């Protein structure tokens, strides 16, 4: 048994007692009691201050370190992986723009509430009116707005999942959906203690905040809380395993190559902008007797001293636009001559990686950056991007429809048992589908 395993096992044995002790000292309801009381407890808010301080690797990121982060991610500790994904987002404008196109396309989509299907049409209509009022209230909120919720749900394709704490409010007999607060992906974990019955349970984990009730090696499973307190949405664009289904898992190696190519390109630009120099000193050789044509012979009649050679070496090593110095006539500095032009292949690598990232996120590489090509090919790629938009909109509708169902079930005083839950839908998607079907019907048979 490794030292890490022994430490983790020892810490895991006391996490439940530590959590209950903290909640008892602060007056917060324990996790076990929340699952049996009500919807009104606030659990994951406010977020710890450490949420604003992710790790930044910068130029320390290497393929070996990335492989270690992936191994840690596959074991369920997600925070270093999420920090790396956020770091790439902060320094890759092309990736940000591609994800923004996909996200904002859904944010700008119209959504409406549809009456649920069932035997009781009157109760279904009443539930639909109540959920429509909830939707309109969300859309008019200045904070925790509807657009934020849709953006977080759509962005789950990058992080693999999104988690929101549902804030309920009591309004007379009604248990009202007030708003939702996003839980940052770096606070989520899939690491479970040895022998855990559900090893893939999602957990709330603050490993870098010892004062948080969700600290320790494993955190607290979301299953310990009321079933209606958290809205968990899992996207599986890759469909591999619970720890690496997000698009980031497919893009990470391309992003690493992109960063390294960019570093090499900057080195090449620096080389071309400041060409290499070489120093010569009078040593009695053939070079001193026959200087480069067109260059004045500046090596004196005597040999260069050791001090003059050392100074020449310092000048050559410190060549820059601000260099100012004086050399003896026994030495001289010349830029190296290039016999051929240098082609920056790194630039081609960058453009190729950008096209791959565009295809990964939006299914086409000419949506945001138009490239020369046939008009038919451009139209096909444009139409192909709508597949991702329709899929994202339907995912949002499915998640919010589940939330509406929870709202109806939580208010038995307002809605009779077995009341059909309202459904969220988008008239924009229906209109686009009708237009596509019409175009297909109008097309001539082959």
Protein backbone atom coordinates (compact mmCIF):
# COMPACT_ATOMS: atom_id res chain seq x y z
CA UNK A 1 0.00 0.00 0.00
CA UNK A 2 1.45 3.35 -1.02
CA UNK A 3 1.99 6.23 1.37
CA UNK A 4 -0.60 8.31 -0.50
CA UNK A 5 -3.16 5.52 -0.12
CA UNK A 6 -2.53 5.26 3.63
CA UNK A 7 -2.86 9.00 4.06
CA UNK A 8 -6.05 9.10 1.99
CA UNK A 9 -7.57 6.17 3.90
CA UNK A 10 -6.78 7.75 7.26
CA UNK A 11 -8.22 11.10 6.25
CA UNK A 12 -11.25 9.52 4.64
CA UNK A 13 -12.15 7.68 7.81
CA UNK A 14 -12.78 10.92 9.67
CA UNK A 15 -14.32 13.09 6.98
CA UNK A 16 -17.89 12.45 8.08
CA UNK A 17 -17.12 13.31 11.69
CA UNK A 18 -15.22 16.42 10.62
CA UNK A 19 -18.12 17.57 8.46
CA UNK A 20 -20.65 17.12 11.25
CA UNK A 21 -18.34 18.85 13.72
CA UNK A 22 -17.98 21.85 11.44
CA UNK A 23 -21.70 22.15 10.84
CA UNK A 24 -22.39 21.87 14.54
CA UNK A 25 -19.90 24.61 15.36
CA UNK A 26 -21.18 27.01 12.71
CA UNK A 27 -24.87 26.32 13.08
CA UNK A 28 -25.16 24.90 9.57
CA UNK A 29 -27.48 21.97 9.00
CA UNK A 30 -25.52 18.77 8.45
CA UNK A 31 -25.56 16.99 5.14
CA UNK A 32 -27.44 14.02 6.51
CA UNK A 33 -30.26 16.16 7.87
CA UNK A 34 -30.58 18.25 4.73
CA UNK A 35 -31.70 15.20 2.82
CA UNK A 36 -34.65 14.76 5.17
CA UNK A 37 -35.74 18.36 5.83
CA UNK A 38 -36.62 20.77 3.01
CA UNK A 39 -35.55 22.47 -0.17
CA UNK A 40 -34.71 25.77 1.53
CA UNK A 41 -31.22 25.06 2.90
CA UNK A 42 -28.28 26.77 1.19
CA UNK A 43 -25.44 24.26 0.87
CA UNK A 44 -22.68 25.17 -1.59
CA UNK A 45 -22.88 28.96 -1.33
CA UNK A 46 -20.96 31.12 -0.91
CA UNK A 47 -18.04 29.56 -2.74
CA UNK A 48 -14.70 29.47 -0.87
CA UNK A 49 -12.14 32.19 -1.67
CA UNK A 50 -9.81 29.56 -3.14
CA UNK A 51 -12.19 29.18 -6.09
CA UNK A 52 -10.75 32.43 -7.45
CA UNK A 53 -7.17 31.14 -7.30
CA UNK A 54 -6.69 28.34 -9.84
CA UNK A 55 -3.28 26.90 -10.57
CA UNK A 56 -1.50 28.32 -13.63
CA UNK A 57 1.22 26.18 -15.20
CA UNK A 58 2.37 28.56 -17.93
CA UNK A 59 5.55 27.41 -19.66
CA UNK A 60 5.98 24.62 -17.11
CA UNK A 61 3.45 22.49 -18.98
CA UNK A 62 5.18 19.59 -20.72
CA UNK A 63 3.85 16.36 -22.26
CA UNK A 64 5.06 14.45 -19.19
CA UNK A 65 3.24 16.82 -16.80
CA UNK A 66 0.11 16.67 -18.94
CA UNK A 67 0.18 12.86 -18.81
CA UNK A 68 0.42 13.07 -15.01
CA UNK A 69 -2.58 15.42 -14.87
CA UNK A 70 -4.58 13.01 -17.04
CA UNK A 71 -3.71 10.12 -14.72
CA UNK A 72 -4.86 12.21 -11.76
CA UNK A 73 -8.07 13.10 -13.60
CA UNK A 74 -8.79 9.44 -14.38
CA UNK A 75 -8.59 8.70 -10.65
CA UNK A 76 -11.34 11.25 -10.06
CA UNK A 77 -9.44 14.28 -8.75
CA UNK A 78 -10.68 16.84 -11.25
CA UNK A 79 -9.43 20.18 -9.90
CA UNK A 80 -5.98 20.26 -11.61
CA UNK A 81 -7.64 19.17 -14.86
CA UNK A 82 -10.27 21.91 -14.63
CA UNK A 83 -7.60 24.50 -13.80
CA UNK A 84 -5.69 23.52 -16.94
CA UNK A 85 -8.85 23.80 -19.04
CA UNK A 86 -9.49 27.28 -17.68
CA UNK A 87 -5.89 28.31 -18.35
CA UNK A 88 -6.15 27.27 -21.99
CA UNK A 89 -9.37 29.26 -22.33
CA UNK A 90 -7.67 32.37 -20.99
CA UNK A 91 -4.82 32.33 -23.51
CA UNK A 92 -6.34 30.95 -26.71
CA UNK A 93 -8.62 33.56 -28.35
CA UNK A 94 -9.50 31.25 -31.23
CA UNK A 95 -10.81 28.57 -28.88
CA UNK A 96 -12.76 31.14 -26.88
CA UNK A 97 -14.41 32.50 -30.02
CA UNK A 98 -15.43 29.01 -31.20
CA UNK A 99 -16.98 28.11 -27.85
CA UNK A 100 -18.63 31.54 -27.67
CA UNK A 101 -20.28 31.01 -31.07
CA UNK A 102 -21.76 27.74 -29.87
CA UNK A 103 -22.77 29.13 -26.47
CA UNK A 104 -24.23 32.46 -27.57
CA UNK A 105 -26.19 30.78 -30.37
CA UNK A 106 -28.17 28.98 -27.68
CA UNK A 107 -28.39 32.04 -25.41
CA UNK A 108 -29.99 34.02 -28.25
CA UNK A 109 -32.55 31.28 -28.93
CA UNK A 110 -36.20 31.79 -27.96
CA UNK A 111 -37.66 29.41 -25.38
CA UNK A 112 -41.28 28.85 -24.42
CA UNK A 113 -43.25 26.61 -22.07
CA UNK A 114 -45.50 23.93 -23.51
CA UNK A 115 -48.37 22.20 -21.69
CA UNK A 116 -47.46 18.69 -20.59
CA UNK A 117 -49.23 15.70 -22.04
CA UNK A 118 -51.54 13.80 -19.69
CA UNK A 119 -55.09 13.03 -18.67
CA UNK A 120 -55.70 16.22 -16.67
CA UNK A 121 -55.64 19.06 -19.16
CA UNK A 122 -56.83 21.68 -16.63
CA UNK A 123 -54.08 20.85 -14.13
CA UNK A 124 -51.53 20.66 -16.94
CA UNK A 125 -52.52 24.13 -18.17
CA UNK A 126 -52.28 25.54 -14.65
CA UNK A 127 -48.81 24.03 -14.18
CA UNK A 128 -47.70 25.38 -17.55
CA UNK A 129 -48.84 28.89 -16.61
CA UNK A 130 -46.91 28.71 -13.34
CA UNK A 131 -43.75 27.49 -15.05
CA UNK A 132 -44.12 30.16 -17.71
CA UNK A 133 -44.20 32.77 -14.94
CA UNK A 134 -41.01 31.25 -13.51
CA UNK A 135 -39.37 31.46 -16.94
CA UNK A 136 -40.39 35.10 -17.44
CA UNK A 137 -39.07 35.97 -13.98
CA UNK A 138 -35.72 34.34 -14.81
CA UNK A 139 -35.49 36.23 -18.08
CA UNK A 140 -36.01 39.57 -16.32
CA UNK A 141 -33.54 39.00 -13.47
CA UNK A 142 -30.45 41.27 -13.45
CA UNK A 143 -28.39 38.65 -11.58
CA UNK A 144 -28.44 34.86 -11.86
CA UNK A 145 -30.28 35.52 -15.09
CA UNK A 146 -31.70 33.10 -17.61
CA UNK A 147 -28.88 33.84 -20.04
CA UNK A 148 -26.31 32.79 -17.43
CA UNK A 149 -28.12 29.51 -16.81
CA UNK A 150 -28.35 28.70 -20.52
CA UNK A 151 -24.69 29.62 -21.04
CA UNK A 152 -23.56 27.31 -18.23
CA UNK A 153 -25.69 24.43 -19.46
CA UNK A 154 -24.34 24.83 -22.99
CA UNK A 155 -20.74 25.10 -21.78
CA UNK A 156 -21.07 21.68 -20.18
CA UNK A 157 -19.82 20.20 -23.47
CA UNK A 158 -16.39 21.66 -22.67
CA UNK A 159 -16.24 20.78 -18.96
CA UNK A 160 -18.33 17.59 -19.35
CA UNK A 161 -20.89 18.64 -16.75
CA UNK A 162 -22.55 21.60 -15.10
CA UNK A 163 -23.94 21.73 -11.57
CA UNK A 164 -26.29 24.38 -10.19
CA UNK A 165 -27.62 24.76 -6.69
CA UNK A 166 -31.35 25.37 -6.89
CA UNK A 167 -32.51 28.21 -4.66
CA UNK A 168 -36.07 27.65 -3.52
CA UNK A 169 -38.20 30.25 -1.73
CA UNK A 170 -41.41 29.91 0.27
CA UNK A 171 -44.26 32.12 -0.99
CA UNK A 172 -47.35 31.25 1.00
CA UNK A 173 -48.35 27.74 -0.01
CA UNK A 174 -46.01 27.75 -2.98
CA UNK A 175 -42.46 26.44 -2.90
CA UNK A 176 -41.13 28.70 -5.62
CA UNK A 177 -38.14 28.32 -7.93
CA UNK A 178 -36.29 31.55 -7.24
CA UNK A 179 -32.99 31.18 -9.09
CA UNK A 180 -30.05 28.88 -9.71
CA UNK A 181 -26.41 29.44 -8.72
CA UNK A 182 -23.67 27.73 -10.70
CA UNK A 183 -21.14 25.57 -8.87
CA UNK A 184 -17.70 25.96 -10.43
CA UNK A 185 -16.44 22.75 -12.08
CA UNK A 186 -13.22 22.87 -10.02
CA UNK A 187 -15.32 22.17 -6.90
CA UNK A 188 -16.53 18.84 -8.29
CA UNK A 189 -14.80 15.50 -7.83
CA UNK A 190 -15.29 11.86 -8.75
CA UNK A 191 -12.66 10.44 -6.38
CA UNK A 192 -14.22 8.00 -3.91
CA UNK A 193 -12.80 6.27 -0.82
CA UNK A 194 -11.73 2.63 -1.22
CA UNK A 195 -14.69 0.31 -0.88
CA UNK A 196 -17.27 2.99 -1.73
CA UNK A 197 -20.46 1.40 -3.05
CA UNK A 198 -20.93 4.10 -5.69
CA UNK A 199 -17.43 4.88 -6.94
CA UNK A 200 -18.71 7.23 -9.69
CA UNK A 201 -20.86 9.45 -7.45
CA UNK A 202 -20.36 13.16 -8.05
CA UNK A 203 -18.97 14.96 -5.01
CA UNK A 204 -18.66 18.53 -3.80
CA UNK A 205 -14.98 18.98 -2.97
CA UNK A 206 -12.86 21.94 -1.81
CA UNK A 207 -9.43 20.33 -1.33
CA UNK A 208 -7.50 23.61 -1.10
CA UNK A 209 -9.72 25.20 1.58
CA UNK A 210 -9.26 23.52 4.98
CA UNK A 211 -12.09 25.59 6.48
CA UNK A 212 -14.68 24.35 4.00
CA UNK A 213 -17.07 21.59 5.10
CA UNK A 214 -16.28 19.92 1.78
CA UNK A 215 -12.50 19.73 2.29
CA UNK A 216 -10.49 16.59 2.90
CA UNK A 217 -9.40 14.00 0.37
CA UNK A 218 -12.85 13.20 -1.05
CA UNK A 219 -15.44 15.86 -0.20
CA UNK A 220 -19.14 15.08 0.21
CA UNK A 221 -21.36 13.23 -2.30
CA UNK A 222 -24.22 15.26 -3.74
CA UNK A 223 -26.46 12.27 -2.98
CA UNK A 224 -26.33 13.21 0.72
CA UNK A 225 -28.42 16.29 0.03
CA UNK A 226 -32.02 16.74 -0.97
CA UNK A 227 -32.65 15.41 -4.46
CA UNK A 228 -34.07 18.78 -5.57
CA UNK A 229 -31.17 20.91 -4.27
CA UNK A 230 -28.78 20.39 -7.17
CA UNK A 231 -29.40 20.39 -10.89
CA UNK A 232 -26.73 18.18 -12.44
CA UNK A 233 -26.33 18.13 -16.20
CA UNK A 234 -23.82 15.77 -17.80
CA UNK A 235 -22.85 16.16 -21.45
CA UNK A 236 -21.10 13.30 -23.22
CA UNK A 237 -19.75 14.53 -26.56
CA UNK A 238 -17.09 11.81 -26.45
CA UNK A 239 -18.94 9.09 -24.57
CA UNK A 240 -15.82 7.47 -23.11
CA UNK A 241 -15.88 7.51 -19.32
CA UNK A 242 -17.16 9.72 -16.49
CA UNK A 243 -13.89 11.62 -16.10
CA UNK A 244 -13.11 12.60 -19.71
CA UNK A 245 -16.28 13.03 -21.73
CA UNK A 246 -15.88 16.78 -22.28
CA UNK A 247 -14.50 18.40 -25.40
CA UNK A 248 -11.47 19.54 -23.44
CA UNK A 249 -10.32 15.91 -23.23
CA UNK A 250 -10.31 15.79 -27.05
CA UNK A 251 -8.64 19.19 -27.48
CA UNK A 252 -5.97 19.11 -24.79
CA UNK A 253 -3.17 17.59 -26.89
CA UNK A 254 -3.90 19.93 -29.79
CA UNK A 255 -3.81 22.86 -27.37
CA UNK A 256 -0.46 21.70 -26.02
CA UNK A 257 0.96 21.48 -29.55
CA UNK A 258 -0.59 24.89 -30.31
CA UNK A 259 1.15 26.44 -27.32
CA UNK A 260 4.49 24.88 -28.14
CA UNK A 261 4.19 25.88 -31.81
CA UNK A 262 3.40 29.42 -30.76
CA UNK A 263 6.46 29.45 -28.50
CA UNK A 264 8.66 28.22 -31.36
CA UNK A 265 7.14 30.79 -33.71
CA UNK A 266 7.96 33.58 -31.27
CA UNK A 267 11.55 32.32 -31.08
CA UNK A 268 11.73 32.33 -34.89
CA UNK A 269 10.32 35.85 -35.11
CA UNK A 270 12.87 37.00 -32.58
CA UNK A 271 15.62 35.35 -34.60
CA UNK A 272 14.48 36.98 -37.83
CA UNK A 273 13.99 40.36 -36.18
CA UNK A 274 17.39 40.25 -34.48
CA UNK A 275 19.72 38.29 -36.81
CA UNK A 276 22.63 36.48 -35.29
CA UNK A 277 25.94 38.29 -35.05
CA UNK A 278 29.51 37.12 -35.02
CA UNK A 279 32.60 38.89 -33.71
CA UNK A 280 36.07 38.89 -35.21
CA UNK A 281 39.33 39.86 -33.56
CA UNK A 282 42.83 40.27 -34.90
CA UNK A 283 44.69 37.03 -34.36
CA UNK A 284 46.94 37.00 -37.43
CA UNK A 285 44.73 34.59 -39.40
CA UNK A 286 43.50 34.68 -42.98
CA UNK A 287 40.18 36.28 -41.98
CA UNK A 288 42.01 39.31 -40.63
CA UNK A 289 43.99 39.67 -43.85
CA UNK A 290 40.97 39.31 -46.15
CA UNK A 291 37.76 40.80 -44.60
CA UNK A 292 34.30 40.45 -46.13
CA UNK A 293 33.98 42.47 -49.37
CA UNK A 294 32.48 45.87 -48.69
CA UNK A 295 33.44 45.79 -44.99
CA UNK A 296 36.19 48.10 -43.85
CA UNK A 297 39.26 46.41 -42.41
CA UNK A 298 39.12 47.46 -38.75
CA UNK A 299 41.51 44.99 -37.17
CA UNK A 300 44.61 46.90 -36.23
CA UNK A 301 48.21 46.13 -36.91
CA UNK A 302 48.61 44.40 -33.57
CA UNK A 303 46.94 41.32 -32.09
CA UNK A 304 43.81 41.71 -29.93
CA UNK A 305 44.43 41.39 -26.22
CA UNK A 306 42.53 38.98 -23.96
CA UNK A 307 40.59 41.88 -22.43
CA UNK A 308 39.50 43.07 -25.88
CA UNK A 309 38.41 39.57 -26.85
CA UNK A 310 36.38 39.22 -23.64
CA UNK A 311 34.68 42.56 -24.27
CA UNK A 312 33.89 41.52 -27.84
CA UNK A 313 32.33 38.32 -26.51
CA UNK A 314 30.14 40.26 -24.08
CA UNK A 315 28.96 42.57 -26.87
CA UNK A 316 28.06 39.69 -29.18
CA UNK A 317 26.19 37.85 -26.42
CA UNK A 318 24.30 41.01 -25.42
CA UNK A 319 23.21 42.18 -28.87
CA UNK A 320 19.93 44.14 -28.59
CA UNK A 321 18.34 47.30 -29.90
CA UNK A 322 19.60 49.22 -26.86
CA UNK A 323 23.22 48.03 -26.99
CA UNK A 324 25.78 50.83 -26.79
CA UNK A 325 29.48 50.07 -26.49
CA UNK A 326 32.96 50.89 -27.85
CA UNK A 327 35.34 48.30 -29.29
CA UNK A 328 39.02 48.44 -30.11
CA UNK A 329 40.08 48.50 -33.75
CA UNK A 330 41.45 44.98 -33.28
CA UNK A 331 37.84 43.64 -33.15
CA UNK A 332 34.67 44.00 -35.18
CA UNK A 333 31.02 42.68 -35.21
CA UNK A 334 29.14 41.55 -38.31
CA UNK A 335 25.61 40.16 -38.77
CA UNK A 336 25.48 36.68 -40.23
CA UNK A 337 24.40 36.51 -43.87
CA UNK A 338 21.51 34.21 -44.84
CA UNK A 339 21.69 32.60 -48.28
CA UNK A 340 17.96 31.72 -48.38
CA UNK A 341 14.63 32.85 -46.93
CA UNK A 342 13.27 31.07 -43.86
CA UNK A 343 9.70 29.76 -44.10
CA UNK A 344 7.88 29.93 -40.71
CA UNK A 345 6.43 26.42 -40.65
CA UNK A 346 5.14 27.06 -37.15
CA UNK A 347 2.58 29.45 -38.61
CA UNK A 348 1.24 26.66 -40.79
CA UNK A 349 1.05 24.44 -37.72
CA UNK A 350 -0.93 27.08 -35.84
CA UNK A 351 -3.43 27.48 -38.67
CA UNK A 352 -3.85 23.71 -38.95
CA UNK A 353 -4.47 23.36 -35.21
CA UNK A 354 -6.99 26.21 -35.31
CA UNK A 355 -8.91 24.40 -38.04
CA UNK A 356 -8.94 21.23 -35.94
CA UNK A 357 -10.26 23.14 -32.91
CA UNK A 358 -12.98 24.74 -35.04
CA UNK A 359 -14.08 21.34 -36.33
CA UNK A 360 -14.09 19.90 -32.82
CA UNK A 361 -16.31 22.63 -31.37
CA UNK A 362 -18.59 23.60 -34.27
CA UNK A 363 -18.13 20.80 -36.80
CA UNK A 364 -16.63 23.05 -39.49
CA UNK A 365 -13.50 25.14 -39.93
CA UNK A 366 -14.93 28.00 -42.01
CA UNK A 367 -17.74 29.36 -39.84
CA UNK A 368 -15.84 32.16 -38.13
CA UNK A 369 -12.76 32.30 -40.37
CA UNK A 370 -13.88 32.22 -43.99
CA UNK A 371 -11.46 30.41 -46.28
CA UNK A 372 -11.31 30.25 -50.06
CA UNK A 373 -13.43 27.46 -51.46
CA UNK A 374 -16.53 26.51 -53.38
CA UNK A 375 -19.78 28.13 -52.33
CA UNK A 376 -21.46 24.73 -52.04
CA UNK A 377 -18.82 23.59 -49.56
CA UNK A 378 -19.31 26.76 -47.48
CA UNK A 379 -23.06 26.20 -47.40
CA UNK A 380 -22.63 22.57 -46.33
CA UNK A 381 -20.35 23.56 -43.43
CA UNK A 382 -22.75 26.32 -42.41
CA UNK A 383 -25.68 23.89 -42.38
CA UNK A 384 -23.59 21.33 -40.51
CA UNK A 385 -23.01 23.77 -37.65
CA UNK A 386 -26.79 23.90 -37.07
CA UNK A 387 -26.66 20.27 -35.92
CA UNK A 388 -24.67 21.31 -32.85
CA UNK A 389 -27.01 24.22 -32.17
CA UNK A 390 -30.14 22.06 -32.33
CA UNK A 391 -28.55 19.46 -30.07
CA UNK A 392 -27.51 22.08 -27.50
CA UNK A 393 -30.97 23.68 -27.49
CA UNK A 394 -32.66 20.32 -26.96
CA UNK A 395 -30.29 19.53 -24.09
CA UNK A 396 -31.22 22.80 -22.41
CA UNK A 397 -34.91 22.09 -22.93
CA UNK A 398 -34.55 18.61 -21.44
CA UNK A 399 -32.72 19.85 -18.33
CA UNK A 400 -35.13 22.70 -17.61
CA UNK A 401 -38.12 20.42 -18.25
CA UNK A 402 -36.78 18.13 -15.51
CA UNK A 403 -36.55 21.15 -13.23
CA UNK A 404 -40.16 22.07 -14.02
CA UNK A 405 -41.17 18.53 -13.09
CA UNK A 406 -39.45 18.93 -9.72
CA UNK A 407 -41.28 22.21 -9.17
CA UNK A 408 -44.67 20.63 -9.88
CA UNK A 409 -43.93 17.65 -7.63
CA UNK A 410 -42.75 19.94 -4.80
CA UNK A 411 -46.10 21.75 -4.69
CA UNK A 412 -48.83 19.16 -4.05
CA UNK A 413 -51.00 21.88 -2.54
CA UNK A 414 -51.14 23.67 -5.90
CA UNK A 415 -51.06 20.83 -8.38
CA UNK A 416 -52.90 17.50 -7.96
CA UNK A 417 -50.98 14.26 -8.01
CA UNK A 418 -49.96 12.99 -11.46
CA UNK A 419 -50.17 16.49 -12.96
CA UNK A 420 -48.34 16.40 -16.31
CA UNK A 421 -45.16 18.42 -15.99
CA UNK A 422 -44.75 21.29 -18.49
CA UNK A 423 -42.00 21.09 -21.07
CA UNK A 424 -39.63 23.70 -22.37
CA UNK A 425 -39.26 23.99 -26.12
CA UNK A 426 -37.86 26.36 -28.73
CA UNK A 427 -39.93 27.71 -31.62
CA UNK A 428 -36.65 28.59 -33.37
CA UNK A 429 -35.60 24.95 -33.54
CA UNK A 430 -39.04 23.89 -34.75
CA UNK A 431 -38.97 26.60 -37.43
CA UNK A 432 -35.49 25.56 -38.55
CA UNK A 433 -36.57 21.93 -38.73
CA UNK A 434 -39.66 22.84 -40.76
CA UNK A 435 -37.53 24.88 -43.16
CA UNK A 436 -35.05 22.04 -43.57
CA UNK A 437 -37.83 19.54 -44.19
CA UNK A 438 -39.41 21.87 -46.76
CA UNK A 439 -36.09 22.27 -48.58
CA UNK A 440 -35.66 18.48 -48.64
CA UNK A 441 -39.15 17.97 -50.04
CA UNK A 442 -38.64 20.62 -52.69
CA UNK A 443 -35.34 19.13 -53.86
CA UNK A 444 -35.58 17.10 -57.10
CA UNK A 445 -35.18 13.37 -56.89
CA UNK A 446 -31.82 12.03 -57.96
